[in-house]
Amino acid sequence: MARTNPLQFVQQVRAEVNKVVWPTRREVLLTTVMVFIMATLTAIFFALVDLAIRGGLQALLGVFG
């Protein structure tokens, strides 16, 4: 593999960065909102599962305890 000098490296990096398609402000906002919604739903789901398991264990231990 041939080594590139620092100037060529910087030029190659700039060329690659120019190929990037950056998201619009609206796309970033929508994606951010969706992440917060999914994180909230996931937290609620696991909280409910935790309550169900805790209640089941307390009932089970109450019967045998």
C-alpha atoms as a PDB file:
ATOM      1  CA  MET A   1       0.000   0.000   0.000  1.00  0.00           C
ATOM      2  CA  ALA A   2       1.439   3.341  -1.059  1.00  0.00           C
ATOM      3  CA  ARG A   3       1.849   6.030   1.558  1.00  0.00           C
ATOM      4  CA  THR A   4       0.344   9.440   0.936  1.00  0.00           C
ATOM      5  CA  ASN A   5       1.879  12.661   2.066  1.00  0.00           C
ATOM      6  CA  PRO A   6      -0.050  14.895   4.497  1.00  0.00           C
ATOM      7  CA  LEU A   7      -1.212  17.282   1.748  1.00  0.00           C
ATOM      8  CA  GLN A   8      -2.689  14.442  -0.318  1.00  0.00           C
ATOM      9  CA  PHE A   9      -4.332  13.046   2.812  1.00  0.00           C
ATOM     10  CA  VAL A  10      -6.028  16.371   3.585  1.00  0.00           C
ATOM     11  CA  GLN A  11      -7.190  16.667  -0.030  1.00  0.00           C
ATOM     12  CA  GLN A  12      -8.628  13.150   0.061  1.00  0.00           C
ATOM     13  CA  VAL A  13     -10.408  13.851   3.343  1.00  0.00           C
ATOM     14  CA  ARG A  14     -11.945  17.046   1.927  1.00  0.00           C
ATOM     15  CA  ALA A  15     -13.078  15.165  -1.188  1.00  0.00           C
ATOM     16  CA  GLU A  16     -14.769  12.499   0.970  1.00  0.00           C
ATOM     17  CA  VAL A  17     -16.423  15.079   3.243  1.00  0.00           C
ATOM     18  CA  ASN A  18     -17.857  16.802   0.174  1.00  0.00           C
ATOM     19  CA  LYS A  19     -19.559  13.504  -0.780  1.00  0.00           C
ATOM     20  CA  VAL A  20     -21.464  13.356   2.521  1.00  0.00           C
ATOM     21  CA  VAL A  21     -25.191  14.083   2.253  1.00  0.00           C
ATOM     22  CA  TRP A  22     -25.978  16.013   5.415  1.00  0.00           C
ATOM     23  CA  PRO A  23     -29.505  15.746   6.868  1.00  0.00           C
ATOM     24  CA  THR A  24     -31.770  18.757   6.833  1.00  0.00           C
ATOM     25  CA  ARG A  25     -32.792  20.513  10.044  1.00  0.00           C
ATOM     26  CA  ARG A  26     -36.280  18.981   9.711  1.00  0.00           C
ATOM     27  CA  GLU A  27     -34.850  15.442   9.342  1.00  0.00           C
ATOM     28  CA  VAL A  28     -32.677  15.906  12.430  1.00  0.00           C
ATOM     29  CA  LEU A  29     -35.628  17.252  14.435  1.00  0.00           C
ATOM     30  CA  LEU A  30     -37.940  14.402  13.393  1.00  0.00           C
ATOM     31  CA  THR A  31     -35.303  11.779  14.108  1.00  0.00           C
ATOM     32  CA  THR A  32     -34.592  13.297  17.527  1.00  0.00           C
ATOM     33  CA  VAL A  33     -38.290  13.345  18.431  1.00  0.00           C
ATOM     34  CA  MET A  34     -38.661   9.721  17.319  1.00  0.00           C
ATOM     35  CA  VAL A  35     -35.685   8.669  19.451  1.00  0.00           C
ATOM     36  CA  PHE A  36     -37.203  10.347  22.523  1.00  0.00           C
ATOM     37  CA  ILE A  37     -40.589   8.728  21.852  1.00  0.00           C
ATOM     38  CA  MET A  38     -39.050   5.263  21.428  1.00  0.00           C
ATOM     39  CA  ALA A  39     -36.895   5.704  24.538  1.00  0.00           C
ATOM     40  CA  THR A  40     -39.971   6.724  26.541  1.00  0.00           C
ATOM     41  CA  LEU A  41     -42.021   3.773  25.272  1.00  0.00           C
ATOM     42  CA  THR A  42     -39.157   1.386  26.015  1.00  0.00           C
ATOM     43  CA  ALA A  43     -38.788   2.779  29.544  1.00  0.00           C
ATOM     44  CA  ILE A  44     -42.539   2.408  30.168  1.00  0.00           C
ATOM     45  CA  PHE A  45     -42.491  -1.167  28.839  1.00  0.00           C
ATOM     46  CA  PHE A  46     -39.603  -2.225  31.068  1.00  0.00           C
ATOM     47  CA  ALA A  47     -41.117  -0.459  34.082  1.00  0.00           C
ATOM     48  CA  LEU A  48     -44.336  -2.449  33.568  1.00  0.00           C
ATOM     49  CA  VAL A  49     -42.393  -5.707  33.145  1.00  0.00           C
ATOM     50  CA  ASP A  50     -40.455  -4.903  36.323  1.00  0.00           C
ATOM     51  CA  LEU A  51     -43.680  -4.270  38.249  1.00  0.00           C
ATOM     52  CA  ALA A  52     -45.202  -7.514  36.968  1.00  0.00           C
ATOM     53  CA  ILE A  53     -42.142  -9.577  37.902  1.00  0.00           C
ATOM     54  CA  ARG A  54     -41.880  -7.871  41.298  1.00  0.00           C
ATOM     55  CA  GLY A  55     -45.580  -8.469  42.009  1.00  0.00           C
ATOM     56  CA  GLY A  56     -45.309 -12.100  40.928  1.00  0.00           C
ATOM     57  CA  LEU A  57     -42.275 -12.712  43.106  1.00  0.00           C
ATOM     58  CA  GLN A  58     -43.863 -11.013  46.101  1.00  0.00           C
ATOM     59  CA  ALA A  59     -46.993 -13.143  45.670  1.00  0.00           C
ATOM     60  CA  LEU A  60     -44.898 -16.299  45.263  1.00  0.00           C
ATOM     61  CA  LEU A  61     -42.737 -15.499  48.294  1.00  0.00           C
ATOM     62  CA  GLY A  62     -45.841 -14.541  50.282  1.00  0.00           C
ATOM     63  CA  VAL A  63     -47.346 -17.971  49.652  1.00  0.00           C
ATOM     64  CA  PHE A  64     -44.166 -19.872  50.545  1.00  0.00           C
ATOM     65  CA  GLY A  65     -42.836 -17.414  53.135  1.00  0.00           C
END
